[in-house]
Amino acid sequence: MPQVEAGNTAHLVKHAITLLMHGTVSDWNKHFSVRDFNATIPEKSKDAMFMDFEYRERWKFYHCVNQRFIGNKPIDYLEFGVAGGDSLRSWLRLNTHATSRFYGFDSFRGLPEDWLTDSPKGAFDQQGRLPQFEDDRVSIIDGLFQETVDAFSRAFTPRNRLVIHMDADLYSSTLYCLMHLDRHIRPGTIIFFDEFTARDCTDEYAALRDYCTACYRDYTVIASRPDFVKLALEIVR
């Protein structure tokens, strides 16, 4: 994650002039998002729990957040970007409350647009195969988020604390889901992000920023990896 050095005014001015003269819209967007991230997230993370872990051990992160902030209480868990179902299975093991409900959203056909260099359109394709779960608390909603989330949100009535796992990767997908879930998001809602700083903070972070601006929301970071790639926050307004 690029960091802007505090007080380095000359460097910032030179960089801004270079962007103005030669930069693309994408360059400007990245520059703004990185500066906004650096001005926002450290302050919101000052009381956060930090832990270092590898991607394959992300279940440890979920475990710590669940133990510290949720406990043995029922949740309504919504995951956007299920793929093979590893994260969803982790949460099923972590939260065994009989009245918890788990919803997994995915098209199982891969990303609908290009993302990272090594993750073009179609990446993470499961060939339409839905993962299997031996737990009747799970419901899988198959299809593009833009085709399923609005109808789900209108029909859904939360019963428990809402826990949202955003693994949608893309700005468009992340923002769409957050906006359509806003009617259910309340102070105390916990939201996980799986690729928070991707593409110089122009995907999941930018989607959160724009959602909060549009819907007058605020949050505090409760847990994060030191690099902020994987992060959990709690809505406070």
Protein backbone atom coordinates (compact mmCIF):
# COMPACT_ATOMS: atom_id res chain seq x y z
CA MET A 1 0.00 0.00 0.00
CA PRO A 2 1.53 3.34 -0.99
CA GLN A 3 1.89 5.76 1.90
CA VAL A 4 1.99 9.55 1.62
CA GLU A 5 4.71 11.00 3.86
CA ALA A 6 3.32 13.57 6.29
CA GLY A 7 4.63 17.06 5.65
CA ASN A 8 6.28 16.26 2.34
CA THR A 9 4.52 19.14 0.60
CA ALA A 10 7.04 19.57 -2.21
CA HIS A 11 6.74 15.91 -3.14
CA LEU A 12 2.93 16.11 -3.16
CA VAL A 13 2.91 19.24 -5.30
CA LYS A 14 5.36 17.73 -7.79
CA HIS A 15 3.32 14.53 -7.97
CA ALA A 16 0.08 16.47 -8.47
CA ILE A 17 1.63 18.54 -11.28
CA THR A 18 2.87 15.38 -12.98
CA LEU A 19 -0.60 13.86 -12.79
CA LEU A 20 -2.17 17.04 -14.12
CA MET A 21 0.18 17.10 -17.11
CA HIS A 22 0.48 13.42 -17.93
CA GLY A 23 -1.85 11.35 -15.75
CA THR A 24 -4.94 9.47 -16.81
CA VAL A 25 -8.30 9.47 -15.04
CA SER A 26 -7.24 6.19 -13.46
CA ASP A 27 -4.03 7.81 -12.16
CA TRP A 28 -6.02 10.63 -10.58
CA ASN A 29 -8.46 8.19 -9.02
CA LYS A 30 -5.66 6.16 -7.45
CA HIS A 31 -3.87 9.25 -6.21
CA PHE A 32 -7.03 10.57 -4.55
CA SER A 33 -7.98 7.21 -3.04
CA VAL A 34 -4.55 6.61 -1.53
CA ARG A 35 -4.46 10.10 -0.01
CA ASP A 36 -7.98 9.71 1.33
CA PHE A 37 -7.16 6.29 2.76
CA ASN A 38 -4.04 7.61 4.51
CA ALA A 39 -6.02 10.53 5.95
CA THR A 40 -8.89 8.36 7.16
CA ILE A 41 -8.04 4.79 8.10
CA PRO A 42 -5.19 5.29 10.62
CA GLU A 43 -7.45 7.51 12.73
CA LYS A 44 -10.36 5.07 12.54
CA SER A 45 -8.00 2.20 13.44
CA LYS A 46 -6.35 3.70 16.53
CA ASP A 47 -8.23 1.32 18.86
CA ALA A 48 -8.28 -1.65 16.49
CA MET A 49 -6.95 -5.13 17.17
CA PHE A 50 -4.10 -5.93 14.76
CA MET A 51 -2.93 -9.41 13.89
CA ASP A 52 -0.65 -10.77 11.18
CA PHE A 53 -1.71 -13.89 9.29
CA GLU A 54 -1.40 -15.53 5.89
CA TYR A 55 -4.37 -15.73 3.52
CA ARG A 56 -4.75 -19.48 4.11
CA GLU A 57 -5.03 -18.77 7.85
CA ARG A 58 -7.68 -16.06 7.62
CA TRP A 59 -9.96 -18.24 9.72
CA LYS A 60 -7.82 -17.16 12.70
CA PHE A 61 -8.82 -13.57 12.02
CA TYR A 62 -12.49 -14.51 11.91
CA HIS A 63 -12.06 -16.48 15.13
CA CYS A 64 -10.55 -13.53 17.00
CA VAL A 65 -13.20 -11.09 15.82
CA ASN A 66 -15.99 -13.53 16.62
CA GLN A 67 -14.60 -14.25 20.07
CA ARG A 68 -13.97 -10.62 20.99
CA PHE A 69 -16.91 -8.80 19.41
CA ILE A 70 -19.70 -11.34 18.84
CA GLY A 71 -19.34 -14.19 21.31
CA ASN A 72 -21.84 -17.02 21.52
CA LYS A 73 -24.70 -14.99 20.12
CA PRO A 74 -26.79 -15.59 17.00
CA ILE A 75 -25.93 -13.68 13.83
CA ASP A 76 -27.32 -13.10 10.37
CA TYR A 77 -24.25 -13.62 8.20
CA LEU A 78 -24.23 -12.43 4.58
CA GLU A 79 -21.23 -13.28 2.40
CA PHE A 80 -20.71 -11.75 -1.03
CA GLY A 81 -18.22 -13.79 -3.05
CA VAL A 82 -18.49 -17.40 -1.87
CA ALA A 83 -16.40 -19.19 -4.54
CA GLY A 84 -15.51 -22.61 -3.06
CA GLY A 85 -17.08 -21.79 0.30
CA ASP A 86 -14.00 -21.81 2.57
CA SER A 87 -14.82 -18.62 4.48
CA LEU A 88 -18.46 -19.55 4.86
CA ARG A 89 -17.47 -22.93 6.29
CA SER A 90 -15.17 -21.18 8.76
CA TRP A 91 -18.06 -19.09 10.04
CA LEU A 92 -20.34 -22.11 10.31
CA ARG A 93 -17.77 -23.70 12.61
CA LEU A 94 -17.23 -20.49 14.58
CA ASN A 95 -20.85 -19.66 15.22
CA THR A 96 -22.87 -22.73 16.08
CA HIS A 97 -25.90 -20.94 17.51
CA ALA A 98 -29.02 -22.75 16.30
CA THR A 99 -30.83 -19.53 15.32
CA SER A 100 -27.96 -18.03 13.32
CA ARG A 101 -28.60 -17.72 9.60
CA PHE A 102 -26.00 -17.79 6.82
CA TYR A 103 -26.50 -16.49 3.28
CA GLY A 104 -23.93 -16.88 0.52
CA PHE A 105 -24.12 -14.84 -2.70
CA ASP A 106 -22.19 -15.68 -5.86
CA SER A 107 -22.73 -16.31 -9.58
CA PHE A 108 -20.12 -19.11 -9.44
CA ARG A 109 -19.12 -17.98 -12.93
CA GLY A 110 -16.20 -15.75 -11.98
CA LEU A 111 -15.70 -12.00 -11.97
CA PRO A 112 -18.06 -10.07 -14.27
CA GLU A 113 -15.30 -7.61 -15.26
CA ASP A 114 -11.52 -7.34 -15.28
CA TRP A 115 -9.89 -6.80 -11.89
CA LEU A 116 -6.18 -7.37 -11.14
CA THR A 117 -3.65 -8.24 -13.84
CA ASP A 118 -3.78 -11.90 -12.81
CA SER A 119 -7.54 -11.80 -12.17
CA PRO A 120 -9.28 -10.87 -15.44
CA LYS A 121 -12.97 -11.20 -16.19
CA GLY A 122 -14.01 -14.77 -15.39
CA ALA A 123 -11.39 -15.30 -12.67
CA PHE A 124 -12.51 -17.53 -9.77
CA ASP A 125 -14.97 -19.32 -12.05
CA GLN A 126 -16.49 -22.36 -10.33
CA GLN A 127 -18.11 -23.52 -13.58
CA GLY A 128 -21.48 -22.83 -12.03
CA ARG A 129 -20.97 -25.48 -9.34
CA LEU A 130 -22.40 -24.49 -5.98
CA PRO A 131 -20.43 -25.55 -2.88
CA GLN A 132 -22.20 -28.06 -0.65
CA PHE A 133 -22.83 -27.43 3.05
CA GLU A 134 -24.10 -29.97 5.54
CA ASP A 135 -25.79 -27.31 7.62
CA ASP A 136 -29.44 -26.37 7.23
CA ARG A 137 -28.73 -22.83 8.45
CA VAL A 138 -27.14 -22.02 5.06
CA SER A 139 -28.90 -20.55 2.03
CA ILE A 140 -27.05 -19.98 -1.26
CA ILE A 141 -28.27 -17.25 -3.60
CA ASP A 142 -26.98 -18.03 -7.08
CA GLY A 143 -26.51 -15.23 -9.63
CA LEU A 144 -24.86 -11.86 -10.21
CA PHE A 145 -25.27 -9.51 -7.26
CA GLN A 146 -26.97 -7.02 -9.58
CA GLU A 147 -29.59 -9.70 -10.31
CA THR A 148 -30.20 -11.05 -6.81
CA VAL A 149 -29.33 -8.64 -4.00
CA ASP A 150 -32.09 -6.08 -4.48
CA ALA A 151 -34.89 -8.66 -4.32
CA PHE A 152 -33.23 -10.42 -1.39
CA SER A 153 -32.82 -7.18 0.55
CA ARG A 154 -36.44 -6.18 0.04
CA ALA A 155 -37.71 -9.54 1.32
CA PHE A 156 -35.15 -10.01 4.10
CA THR A 157 -35.97 -9.27 7.74
CA PRO A 158 -32.98 -9.37 10.09
CA ARG A 159 -33.45 -11.37 13.28
CA ASN A 160 -29.94 -11.19 14.71
CA ARG A 161 -26.85 -9.02 14.65
CA LEU A 162 -25.82 -8.46 11.04
CA VAL A 163 -22.36 -9.62 9.95
CA ILE A 164 -21.47 -8.87 6.32
CA HIS A 165 -18.47 -10.40 4.58
CA MET A 166 -17.55 -8.39 1.49
CA ASP A 167 -15.36 -10.49 -0.79
CA ALA A 168 -16.79 -8.99 -3.97
CA ASP A 169 -13.37 -7.51 -4.94
CA LEU A 170 -14.72 -5.02 -7.47
CA TYR A 171 -15.75 -1.45 -6.74
CA SER A 172 -19.00 -1.87 -8.68
CA SER A 173 -20.03 -5.07 -6.90
CA THR A 174 -19.06 -3.86 -3.42
CA LEU A 175 -20.84 -0.52 -3.74
CA TYR A 176 -23.95 -2.14 -5.20
CA CYS A 177 -24.25 -4.58 -2.31
CA LEU A 178 -23.66 -1.99 0.41
CA MET A 179 -26.18 0.43 -1.06
CA HIS A 180 -28.90 -2.22 -1.33
CA LEU A 181 -28.23 -3.50 2.19
CA ASP A 182 -28.34 -0.05 3.75
CA ARG A 183 -31.97 -0.49 4.84
CA HIS A 184 -30.75 -3.27 7.17
CA ILE A 185 -27.40 -1.85 8.31
CA ARG A 186 -27.51 -0.41 11.82
CA PRO A 187 -24.98 0.69 14.44
CA GLY A 188 -23.36 -2.54 15.60
CA THR A 189 -23.32 -4.14 12.15
CA ILE A 190 -19.92 -5.73 11.48
CA ILE A 191 -18.48 -5.68 7.95
CA PHE A 192 -15.42 -7.64 6.81
CA PHE A 193 -13.44 -6.70 3.71
CA ASP A 194 -11.20 -9.25 2.05
CA GLU A 195 -9.26 -7.01 -0.37
CA PHE A 196 -9.68 -3.62 1.24
CA THR A 197 -6.69 -1.86 -0.37
CA ALA A 198 -6.80 -3.52 -3.80
CA ARG A 199 -5.76 -1.46 -6.84
CA ASP A 200 -4.49 1.43 -4.74
CA CYS A 201 -7.66 1.62 -2.66
CA THR A 202 -9.94 2.11 -5.69
CA ASP A 203 -12.14 -0.95 -5.16
CA GLU A 204 -13.41 -2.05 -1.73
CA TYR A 205 -12.09 0.98 0.16
CA ALA A 206 -13.46 3.42 -2.41
CA ALA A 207 -16.82 1.64 -2.39
CA LEU A 208 -17.03 1.92 1.39
CA ARG A 209 -16.07 5.60 1.25
CA ASP A 210 -18.71 6.40 -1.35
CA TYR A 211 -21.37 4.34 0.44
CA CYS A 212 -20.73 6.15 3.73
CA THR A 213 -20.85 9.51 1.97
CA ALA A 214 -24.12 8.75 0.20
CA CYS A 215 -25.90 7.17 3.18
CA TYR A 216 -24.43 9.28 6.02
CA ARG A 217 -22.76 6.28 7.62
CA ASP A 218 -19.71 6.18 9.86
CA TYR A 219 -17.61 3.36 11.22
CA THR A 220 -14.66 2.37 13.34
CA VAL A 221 -12.10 -0.28 12.41
CA ILE A 222 -12.20 -3.03 15.05
CA ALA A 223 -9.61 -5.45 13.63
CA SER A 224 -7.15 -5.56 10.76
CA ARG A 225 -4.05 -7.09 9.32
CA PRO A 226 -1.17 -4.60 9.64
CA ASP A 227 -1.27 -3.93 5.89
CA PHE A 228 -5.06 -3.26 6.04
CA VAL A 229 -5.69 -5.72 3.19
CA LYS A 230 -8.06 -7.70 5.40
CA LEU A 231 -10.09 -5.66 7.79
CA ALA A 232 -13.21 -5.67 9.96
CA LEU A 233 -15.21 -2.61 10.94
CA GLU A 234 -18.25 -1.80 13.02
CA ILE A 235 -20.89 0.68 11.88
CA VAL A 236 -21.36 3.39 14.49
CA ARG A 237 -23.84 5.62 12.64
